[in-house]
Amino acid sequence: MPDSQAALKVELKRALVRGLHLPMSPDEIADDTPLFGAGLGLDSIDVLELVLELERSFGVQIRDEETAMEVFESINTMADFVQRNRSCKPD
């Protein structure tokens, strides 16, 4: 499971950079870097893009703003959310 978690985090970083057109490589984003505020400095428009990117790339849905803000704290929280919600669905 740790290897799949690490692979998922790499994919999430790639999706973040690709979806938000960030001027950095996925390798530059630490797993625990805050995505908002002093971290990557994302804003509310970025949240909408991230919600769409997670739906498109990972097949998970975020239904409300409160959940989104918890999920998008860091790559770690995004990975946990994707794993929990993917496992609820049959492949």
PDB file of N, CA and C in Angstrom:
ATOM      1  N   MET A   1       0.815  -1.219   0.000  1.00  0.00           N
ATOM      2  CA  MET A   1       0.000   0.000   0.000  1.00  0.00           C
ATOM      3  C   MET A   1       0.847   1.267   0.000  1.00  0.00           C
ATOM      4  N   PRO A   2       1.979   1.322   0.736  1.00  0.00           N
ATOM      5  CA  PRO A   2       2.762   2.555   0.699  1.00  0.00           C
ATOM      6  C   PRO A   2       3.226   2.921  -0.702  1.00  0.00           C
ATOM      7  N   ASP A   3       3.591   1.932  -1.534  1.00  0.00           N
ATOM      8  CA  ASP A   3       4.016   2.243  -2.890  1.00  0.00           C
ATOM      9  C   ASP A   3       2.891   2.846  -3.704  1.00  0.00           C
ATOM     10  N   SER A   4       1.679   2.321  -3.551  1.00  0.00           N
ATOM     11  CA  SER A   4       0.555   2.877  -4.293  1.00  0.00           C
ATOM     12  C   SER A   4       0.218   4.278  -3.792  1.00  0.00           C
ATOM     13  N   GLN A   5       0.407   4.533  -2.500  1.00  0.00           N
ATOM     14  CA  GLN A   5       0.184   5.861  -1.931  1.00  0.00           C
ATOM     15  C   GLN A   5       1.206   6.841  -2.516  1.00  0.00           C
ATOM     16  N   ALA A   6       2.467   6.420  -2.614  1.00  0.00           N
ATOM     17  CA  ALA A   6       3.512   7.274  -3.179  1.00  0.00           C
ATOM     18  C   ALA A   6       3.227   7.561  -4.654  1.00  0.00           C
ATOM     19  N   ALA A   7       2.804   6.549  -5.391  1.00  0.00           N
ATOM     20  CA  ALA A   7       2.480   6.738  -6.809  1.00  0.00           C
ATOM     21  C   ALA A   7       1.300   7.681  -6.975  1.00  0.00           C
ATOM     22  N   LEU A   8       0.315   7.553  -6.108  1.00  0.00           N
ATOM     23  CA  LEU A   8      -0.851   8.430  -6.152  1.00  0.00           C
ATOM     24  C   LEU A   8      -0.436   9.880  -5.900  1.00  0.00           C
ATOM     25  N   LYS A   9       0.452  10.094  -4.950  1.00  0.00           N
ATOM     26  CA  LYS A   9       0.910  11.456  -4.654  1.00  0.00           C
ATOM     27  C   LYS A   9       1.630  12.067  -5.848  1.00  0.00           C
ATOM     28  N   VAL A  10       2.426  11.262  -6.547  1.00  0.00           N
ATOM     29  CA  VAL A  10       3.104  11.753  -7.757  1.00  0.00           C
ATOM     30  C   VAL A  10       2.071  12.146  -8.802  1.00  0.00           C
ATOM     31  N   GLU A  11       1.061  11.310  -8.993  1.00  0.00           N
ATOM     32  CA  GLU A  11       0.003  11.621  -9.966  1.00  0.00           C
ATOM     33  C   GLU A  11      -0.766  12.879  -9.573  1.00  0.00           C
ATOM     34  N   LEU A  12      -1.047  13.036  -8.290  1.00  0.00           N
ATOM     35  CA  LEU A  12      -1.751  14.235  -7.819  1.00  0.00           C
ATOM     36  C   LEU A  12      -0.925  15.492  -8.075  1.00  0.00           C
ATOM     37  N   LYS A  13       0.372  15.413  -7.833  1.00  0.00           N
ATOM     38  CA  LYS A  13       1.241  16.568  -8.086  1.00  0.00           C
ATOM     39  C   LYS A  13       1.251  16.913  -9.565  1.00  0.00           C
ATOM     40  N   ARG A  14       1.327  15.892 -10.409  1.00  0.00           N
ATOM     41  CA  ARG A  14       1.291  16.134 -11.862  1.00  0.00           C
ATOM     42  C   ARG A  14      -0.031  16.774 -12.275  1.00  0.00           C
ATOM     43  N   ALA A  15      -1.129  16.278 -11.721  1.00  0.00           N
ATOM     44  CA  ALA A  15      -2.449  16.831 -12.044  1.00  0.00           C
ATOM     45  C   ALA A  15      -2.560  18.278 -11.567  1.00  0.00           C
ATOM     46  N   LEU A  16      -2.000  18.565 -10.410  1.00  0.00           N
ATOM     47  CA  LEU A  16      -2.020  19.919  -9.856  1.00  0.00           C
ATOM     48  C   LEU A  16      -1.261  20.883 -10.767  1.00  0.00           C
ATOM     49  N   VAL A  17      -0.064  20.514 -11.151  1.00  0.00           N
ATOM     50  CA  VAL A  17       0.758  21.367 -12.018  1.00  0.00           C
ATOM     51  C   VAL A  17       0.100  21.528 -13.388  1.00  0.00           C
ATOM     52  N   ARG A  18      -0.392  20.429 -13.941  1.00  0.00           N
ATOM     53  CA  ARG A  18      -1.023  20.456 -15.264  1.00  0.00           C
ATOM     54  C   ARG A  18      -2.330  21.244 -15.231  1.00  0.00           C
ATOM     55  N   GLY A  19      -3.190  20.930 -14.274  1.00  0.00           N
ATOM     56  CA  GLY A  19      -4.517  21.536 -14.221  1.00  0.00           C
ATOM     57  C   GLY A  19      -4.511  23.016 -13.899  1.00  0.00           C
ATOM     58  N   LEU A  20      -3.532  23.442 -13.094  1.00  0.00           N
ATOM     59  CA  LEU A  20      -3.475  24.848 -12.685  1.00  0.00           C
ATOM     60  C   LEU A  20      -2.375  25.620 -13.404  1.00  0.00           C
ATOM     61  N   HIS A  21      -1.690  24.942 -14.318  1.00  0.00           N
ATOM     62  CA  HIS A  21      -0.606  25.581 -15.079  1.00  0.00           C
ATOM     63  C   HIS A  21       0.406  26.249 -14.149  1.00  0.00           C
ATOM     64  N   LEU A  22       0.805  25.518 -13.106  1.00  0.00           N
ATOM     65  CA  LEU A  22       1.750  26.070 -12.131  1.00  0.00           C
ATOM     66  C   LEU A  22       3.145  26.168 -12.749  1.00  0.00           C
ATOM     67  N   PRO A  23       3.867  27.237 -12.432  1.00  0.00           N
ATOM     68  CA  PRO A  23       5.211  27.440 -12.991  1.00  0.00           C
ATOM     69  C   PRO A  23       6.286  26.671 -12.217  1.00  0.00           C
ATOM     70  N   MET A  24       6.069  25.386 -12.014  1.00  0.00           N
ATOM     71  CA  MET A  24       7.010  24.543 -11.269  1.00  0.00           C
ATOM     72  C   MET A  24       6.824  23.108 -11.715  1.00  0.00           C
ATOM     73  N   SER A  25       7.763  22.266 -11.319  1.00  0.00           N
ATOM     74  CA  SER A  25       7.622  20.846 -11.637  1.00  0.00           C
ATOM     75  C   SER A  25       6.963  20.140 -10.447  1.00  0.00           C
ATOM     76  N   PRO A  26       6.343  19.005 -10.700  1.00  0.00           N
ATOM     77  CA  PRO A  26       5.716  18.253  -9.605  1.00  0.00           C
ATOM     78  C   PRO A  26       6.707  17.909  -8.489  1.00  0.00           C
ATOM     79  N   ASP A  27       7.971  17.700  -8.844  1.00  0.00           N
ATOM     80  CA  ASP A  27       8.988  17.354  -7.853  1.00  0.00           C
ATOM     81  C   ASP A  27       9.229  18.461  -6.834  1.00  0.00           C
ATOM     82  N   GLU A  28       8.874  19.682  -7.173  1.00  0.00           N
ATOM     83  CA  GLU A  28       9.098  20.821  -6.280  1.00  0.00           C
ATOM     84  C   GLU A  28       8.024  20.957  -5.200  1.00  0.00           C
ATOM     85  N   ILE A  29       6.971  20.148  -5.281  1.00  0.00           N
ATOM     86  CA  ILE A  29       5.872  20.224  -4.314  1.00  0.00           C
ATOM     87  C   ILE A  29       6.055  19.126  -3.269  1.00  0.00           C
ATOM     88  N   ALA A  30       6.251  19.531  -2.021  1.00  0.00           N
ATOM     89  CA  ALA A  30       6.372  18.551  -0.933  1.00  0.00           C
ATOM     90  C   ALA A  30       4.985  18.015  -0.588  1.00  0.00           C
ATOM     91  N   ASP A  31       4.945  16.792  -0.093  1.00  0.00           N
ATOM     92  CA  ASP A  31       3.664  16.151   0.239  1.00  0.00           C
ATOM     93  C   ASP A  31       2.874  16.937   1.279  1.00  0.00           C
ATOM     94  N   ASP A  32       3.569  17.633   2.177  1.00  0.00           N
ATOM     95  CA  ASP A  32       2.880  18.342   3.254  1.00  0.00           C
ATOM     96  C   ASP A  32       2.847  19.865   3.065  1.00  0.00           C
ATOM     97  N   THR A  33       3.253  20.353   1.898  1.00  0.00           N
ATOM     98  CA  THR A  33       3.185  21.793   1.621  1.00  0.00           C
ATOM     99  C   THR A  33       1.726  22.247   1.595  1.00  0.00           C
ATOM    100  N   PRO A  34       1.394  23.294   2.346  1.00  0.00           N
ATOM    101  CA  PRO A  34       0.023  23.822   2.255  1.00  0.00           C
ATOM    102  C   PRO A  34      -0.244  24.320   0.836  1.00  0.00           C
ATOM    103  N   LEU A  35      -1.412  23.992   0.307  1.00  0.00           N
ATOM    104  CA  LEU A  35      -1.728  24.405  -1.053  1.00  0.00           C
ATOM    105  C   LEU A  35      -2.197  25.851  -1.118  1.00  0.00           C
ATOM    106  N   PHE A  36      -2.711  26.363   0.005  1.00  0.00           N
ATOM    107  CA  PHE A  36      -3.222  27.735   0.045  1.00  0.00           C
ATOM    108  C   PHE A  36      -2.363  28.571   0.973  1.00  0.00           C
ATOM    109  N   GLY A  37      -2.560  29.870   0.944  1.00  0.00           N
ATOM    110  CA  GLY A  37      -1.832  30.762   1.844  1.00  0.00           C
ATOM    111  C   GLY A  37      -0.344  30.764   1.567  1.00  0.00           C
ATOM    112  N   ALA A  38       0.438  30.621   2.624  1.00  0.00           N
ATOM    113  CA  ALA A  38       1.895  30.719   2.518  1.00  0.00           C
ATOM    114  C   ALA A  38       2.525  29.559   1.745  1.00  0.00           C
ATOM    115  N   GLY A  39       1.774  28.514   1.490  1.00  0.00           N
ATOM    116  CA  GLY A  39       2.308  27.378   0.736  1.00  0.00           C
ATOM    117  C   GLY A  39       2.415  27.702  -0.744  1.00  0.00           C
ATOM    118  N   LEU A  40       1.564  27.091  -1.551  1.00  0.00           N
ATOM    119  CA  LEU A  40       1.575  27.347  -2.993  1.00  0.00           C
ATOM    120  C   LEU A  40       0.802  28.599  -3.367  1.00  0.00           C
ATOM    121  N   GLY A  41       0.037  29.145  -2.422  1.00  0.00           N
ATOM    122  CA  GLY A  41      -0.675  30.393  -2.688  1.00  0.00           C
ATOM    123  C   GLY A  41      -1.884  30.255  -3.602  1.00  0.00           C
ATOM    124  N   LEU A  42      -2.510  29.082  -3.606  1.00  0.00           N
ATOM    125  CA  LEU A  42      -3.697  28.896  -4.444  1.00  0.00           C
ATOM    126  C   LEU A  42      -4.863  29.712  -3.892  1.00  0.00           C
ATOM    127  N   ASP A  43      -5.864  29.974  -4.751  1.00  0.00           N
ATOM    128  CA  ASP A  43      -7.022  30.763  -4.333  1.00  0.00           C
ATOM    129  C   ASP A  43      -8.326  30.026  -4.642  1.00  0.00           C
ATOM    130  N   SER A  44      -9.452  30.690  -4.429  1.00  0.00           N
ATOM    131  CA  SER A  44     -10.762  30.042  -4.570  1.00  0.00           C
ATOM    132  C   SER A  44     -11.045  29.593  -6.006  1.00  0.00           C
ATOM    133  N   ILE A  45     -10.531  30.288  -6.979  1.00  0.00           N
ATOM    134  CA  ILE A  45     -10.721  29.854  -8.374  1.00  0.00           C
ATOM    135  C   ILE A  45      -9.951  28.564  -8.613  1.00  0.00           C
ATOM    136  N   ASP A  46      -8.781  28.460  -8.008  1.00  0.00           N
ATOM    137  CA  ASP A  46      -7.995  27.236  -8.117  1.00  0.00           C
ATOM    138  C   ASP A  46      -8.737  26.043  -7.528  1.00  0.00           C
ATOM    139  N   VAL A  47      -9.519  26.278  -6.460  1.00  0.00           N
ATOM    140  CA  VAL A  47     -10.302  25.191  -5.850  1.00  0.00           C
ATOM    141  C   VAL A  47     -11.250  24.590  -6.880  1.00  0.00           C
ATOM    142  N   LEU A  48     -11.929  25.436  -7.640  1.00  0.00           N
ATOM    143  CA  LEU A  48     -12.850  24.935  -8.666  1.00  0.00           C
ATOM    144  C   LEU A  48     -12.123  24.081  -9.690  1.00  0.00           C
ATOM    145  N   GLU A  49     -10.956  24.555 -10.112  1.00  0.00           N
ATOM    146  CA  GLU A  49     -10.155  23.780 -11.064  1.00  0.00           C
ATOM    147  C   GLU A  49      -9.714  22.445 -10.471  1.00  0.00           C
ATOM    148  N   LEU A  50      -9.331  22.457  -9.208  1.00  0.00           N
ATOM    149  CA  LEU A  50      -8.903  21.219  -8.550  1.00  0.00           C
ATOM    150  C   LEU A  50     -10.039  20.217  -8.425  1.00  0.00           C
ATOM    151  N   VAL A  51     -11.226  20.706  -8.089  1.00  0.00           N
ATOM    152  CA  VAL A  51     -12.394  19.817  -7.997  1.00  0.00           C
ATOM    153  C   VAL A  51     -12.620  19.134  -9.344  1.00  0.00           C
ATOM    154  N   LEU A  52     -12.586  19.910 -10.412  1.00  0.00           N
ATOM    155  CA  LEU A  52     -12.780  19.349 -11.754  1.00  0.00           C
ATOM    156  C   LEU A  52     -11.665  18.372 -12.113  1.00  0.00           C
ATOM    157  N   GLU A  53     -10.448  18.705 -11.772  1.00  0.00           N
ATOM    158  CA  GLU A  53      -9.306  17.836 -12.077  1.00  0.00           C
ATOM    159  C   GLU A  53      -9.410  16.504 -11.337  1.00  0.00           C
ATOM    160  N   LEU A  54      -9.827  16.529 -10.073  1.00  0.00           N
ATOM    161  CA  LEU A  54      -9.987  15.271  -9.330  1.00  0.00           C
ATOM    162  C   LEU A  54     -11.091  14.409  -9.926  1.00  0.00           C
ATOM    163  N   GLU A  55     -12.173  15.054 -10.350  1.00  0.00           N
ATOM    164  CA  GLU A  55     -13.258  14.295 -10.984  1.00  0.00           C
ATOM    165  C   GLU A  55     -12.776  13.673 -12.289  1.00  0.00           C
ATOM    166  N   ARG A  56     -12.107  14.470 -13.105  1.00  0.00           N
ATOM    167  CA  ARG A  56     -11.628  14.006 -14.413  1.00  0.00           C
ATOM    168  C   ARG A  56     -10.570  12.924 -14.285  1.00  0.00           C
ATOM    169  N   SER A  57      -9.559  13.186 -13.493  1.00  0.00           N
ATOM    170  CA  SER A  57      -8.394  12.309 -13.451  1.00  0.00           C
ATOM    171  C   SER A  57      -8.517  11.128 -12.495  1.00  0.00           C
ATOM    172  N   PHE A  58      -9.304  11.292 -11.425  1.00  0.00           N
ATOM    173  CA  PHE A  58      -9.334  10.257 -10.395  1.00  0.00           C
ATOM    174  C   PHE A  58     -10.722   9.703 -10.107  1.00  0.00           C
ATOM    175  N   GLY A  59     -11.753  10.261 -10.739  1.00  0.00           N
ATOM    176  CA  GLY A  59     -13.097   9.732 -10.588  1.00  0.00           C
ATOM    177  C   GLY A  59     -13.725   9.937  -9.225  1.00  0.00           C
ATOM    178  N   VAL A  60     -13.271  10.941  -8.476  1.00  0.00           N
ATOM    179  CA  VAL A  60     -13.859  11.226  -7.162  1.00  0.00           C
ATOM    180  C   VAL A  60     -14.533  12.593  -7.196  1.00  0.00           C
ATOM    181  N   GLN A  61     -15.561  12.747  -6.384  1.00  0.00           N
ATOM    182  CA  GLN A  61     -16.310  13.996  -6.347  1.00  0.00           C
ATOM    183  C   GLN A  61     -16.231  14.644  -4.977  1.00  0.00           C
ATOM    184  N   ILE A  62     -16.129  15.958  -4.990  1.00  0.00           N
ATOM    185  CA  ILE A  62     -16.162  16.749  -3.766  1.00  0.00           C
ATOM    186  C   ILE A  62     -17.451  17.545  -3.834  1.00  0.00           C
ATOM    187  N   ARG A  63     -18.313  17.354  -2.869  1.00  0.00           N
ATOM    188  CA  ARG A  63     -19.665  17.882  -2.963  1.00  0.00           C
ATOM    189  C   ARG A  63     -19.886  19.244  -2.314  1.00  0.00           C
ATOM    190  N   ASP A  64     -18.987  19.669  -1.413  1.00  0.00           N
ATOM    191  CA  ASP A  64     -19.226  20.967  -0.777  1.00  0.00           C
ATOM    192  C   ASP A  64     -17.910  21.671  -0.469  1.00  0.00           C
ATOM    193  N   GLU A  65     -18.004  22.955  -0.207  1.00  0.00           N
ATOM    194  CA  GLU A  65     -16.824  23.794  -0.005  1.00  0.00           C
ATOM    195  C   GLU A  65     -16.022  23.395   1.226  1.00  0.00           C
ATOM    196  N   GLU A  66     -16.720  23.027   2.294  1.00  0.00           N
ATOM    197  CA  GLU A  66     -16.028  22.633   3.522  1.00  0.00           C
ATOM    198  C   GLU A  66     -15.159  21.407   3.284  1.00  0.00           C
ATOM    199  N   THR A  67     -15.719  20.421   2.599  1.00  0.00           N
ATOM    200  CA  THR A  67     -14.955  19.221   2.269  1.00  0.00           C
ATOM    201  C   THR A  67     -13.771  19.584   1.390  1.00  0.00           C
ATOM    202  N   ALA A  68     -13.988  20.447   0.411  1.00  0.00           N
ATOM    203  CA  ALA A  68     -12.914  20.848  -0.502  1.00  0.00           C
ATOM    204  C   ALA A  68     -11.754  21.464   0.254  1.00  0.00           C
ATOM    205  N   MET A  69     -12.034  22.336   1.193  1.00  0.00           N
ATOM    206  CA  MET A  69     -10.961  22.991   1.927  1.00  0.00           C
ATOM    207  C   MET A  69     -10.174  21.996   2.788  1.00  0.00           C
ATOM    208  N   GLU A  70     -10.840  20.970   3.299  1.00  0.00           N
ATOM    209  CA  GLU A  70     -10.136  19.931   4.056  1.00  0.00           C
ATOM    210  C   GLU A  70      -9.284  19.074   3.129  1.00  0.00           C
ATOM    211  N   VAL A  71      -9.859  18.691   1.991  1.00  0.00           N
ATOM    212  CA  VAL A  71      -9.163  17.838   1.034  1.00  0.00           C
ATOM    213  C   VAL A  71      -7.943  18.545   0.464  1.00  0.00           C
ATOM    214  N   PHE A  72      -8.057  19.820   0.174  1.00  0.00           N
ATOM    215  CA  PHE A  72      -6.994  20.554  -0.504  1.00  0.00           C
ATOM    216  C   PHE A  72      -6.003  21.233   0.439  1.00  0.00           C
ATOM    217  N   GLU A  73      -5.869  20.727   1.660  1.00  0.00           N
ATOM    218  CA  GLU A  73      -4.855  21.272   2.572  1.00  0.00           C
ATOM    219  C   GLU A  73      -3.451  20.983   2.049  1.00  0.00           C
ATOM    220  N   SER A  74      -3.227  19.768   1.541  1.00  0.00           N
ATOM    221  CA  SER A  74      -1.903  19.362   1.064  1.00  0.00           C
ATOM    222  C   SER A  74      -2.053  18.158   0.136  1.00  0.00           C
ATOM    223  N   ILE A  75      -0.953  17.754  -0.454  1.00  0.00           N
ATOM    224  CA  ILE A  75      -0.960  16.543  -1.279  1.00  0.00           C
ATOM    225  C   ILE A  75      -1.342  15.338  -0.419  1.00  0.00           C
ATOM    226  N   ASN A  76      -0.867  15.301   0.820  1.00  0.00           N
ATOM    227  CA  ASN A  76      -1.210  14.190   1.720  1.00  0.00           C
ATOM    228  C   ASN A  76      -2.719  14.070   1.912  1.00  0.00           C
ATOM    229  N   THR A  77      -3.396  15.182   2.171  1.00  0.00           N
ATOM    230  CA  THR A  77      -4.840  15.117   2.400  1.00  0.00           C
ATOM    231  C   THR A  77      -5.593  14.774   1.113  1.00  0.00           C
ATOM    232  N   MET A  78      -5.082  15.239  -0.019  1.00  0.00           N
ATOM    233  CA  MET A  78      -5.706  14.883  -1.301  1.00  0.00           C
ATOM    234  C   MET A  78      -5.577  13.384  -1.557  1.00  0.00           C
ATOM    235  N   ALA A  79      -4.389  12.843  -1.309  1.00  0.00           N
ATOM    236  CA  ALA A  79      -4.158  11.412  -1.537  1.00  0.00           C
ATOM    237  C   ALA A  79      -5.050  10.560  -0.635  1.00  0.00           C
ATOM    238  N   ASP A  80      -5.169  10.955   0.632  1.00  0.00           N
ATOM    239  CA  ASP A  80      -6.040  10.214   1.558  1.00  0.00           C
ATOM    240  C   ASP A  80      -7.481  10.224   1.061  1.00  0.00           C
ATOM    241  N   PHE A  81      -7.957  11.377   0.617  1.00  0.00           N
ATOM    242  CA  PHE A  81      -9.330  11.499   0.131  1.00  0.00           C
ATOM    243  C   PHE A  81      -9.558  10.636  -1.111  1.00  0.00           C
ATOM    244  N   VAL A  82      -8.639  10.701  -2.055  1.00  0.00           N
ATOM    245  CA  VAL A  82      -8.786   9.915  -3.289  1.00  0.00           C
ATOM    246  C   VAL A  82      -8.787   8.427  -2.961  1.00  0.00           C
ATOM    247  N   GLN A  83      -7.872   7.993  -2.099  1.00  0.00           N
ATOM    248  CA  GLN A  83      -7.833   6.569  -1.754  1.00  0.00           C
ATOM    249  C   GLN A  83      -9.113   6.115  -1.065  1.00  0.00           C
ATOM    250  N   ARG A  84      -9.607   6.891  -0.117  1.00  0.00           N
ATOM    251  CA  ARG A  84     -10.843   6.528   0.592  1.00  0.00           C
ATOM    252  C   ARG A  84     -12.022   6.448  -0.357  1.00  0.00           C
ATOM    253  N   ASN A  85     -12.129   7.403  -1.248  1.00  0.00           N
ATOM    254  CA  ASN A  85     -13.290   7.469  -2.114  1.00  0.00           C
ATOM    255  C   ASN A  85     -13.207   6.556  -3.321  1.00  0.00           C
ATOM    256  N   ARG A  86     -12.023   6.259  -3.757  1.00  0.00           N
ATOM    257  CA  ARG A  86     -11.856   5.279  -4.822  1.00  0.00           C
ATOM    258  C   ARG A  86     -12.199   3.896  -4.324  1.00  0.00           C
ATOM    259  N   SER A  87     -11.813   3.592  -3.077  1.00  0.00           N
ATOM    260  CA  SER A  87     -12.034   2.242  -2.538  1.00  0.00           C
ATOM    261  C   SER A  87     -13.502   1.950  -2.292  1.00  0.00           C
ATOM    262  N   CYS A  88     -14.326   2.984  -2.234  1.00  0.00           N
ATOM    263  CA  CYS A  88     -15.772   2.798  -2.041  1.00  0.00           C
ATOM    264  C   CYS A  88     -16.454   2.366  -3.333  1.00  0.00           C
ATOM    265  N   LYS A  89     -15.760   2.520  -4.449  1.00  0.00           N
ATOM    266  CA  LYS A  89     -16.372   2.234  -5.748  1.00  0.00           C
ATOM    267  C   LYS A  89     -15.763   0.956  -6.335  1.00  0.00           C
ATOM    268  N   PRO A  90     -16.584   0.119  -6.912  1.00  0.00           N
ATOM    269  CA  PRO A  90     -16.037  -1.069  -7.569  1.00  0.00           C
ATOM    270  C   PRO A  90     -15.293  -0.671  -8.837  1.00  0.00           C
ATOM    271  N   ASP A  91     -14.183  -1.358  -9.109  1.00  0.00           N
ATOM    272  CA  ASP A  91     -13.411  -1.058 -10.325  1.00  0.00           C
ATOM    273  C   ASP A  91     -13.989  -1.723 -11.537  1.00  0.00           C
TER     274      ASP A  91
END
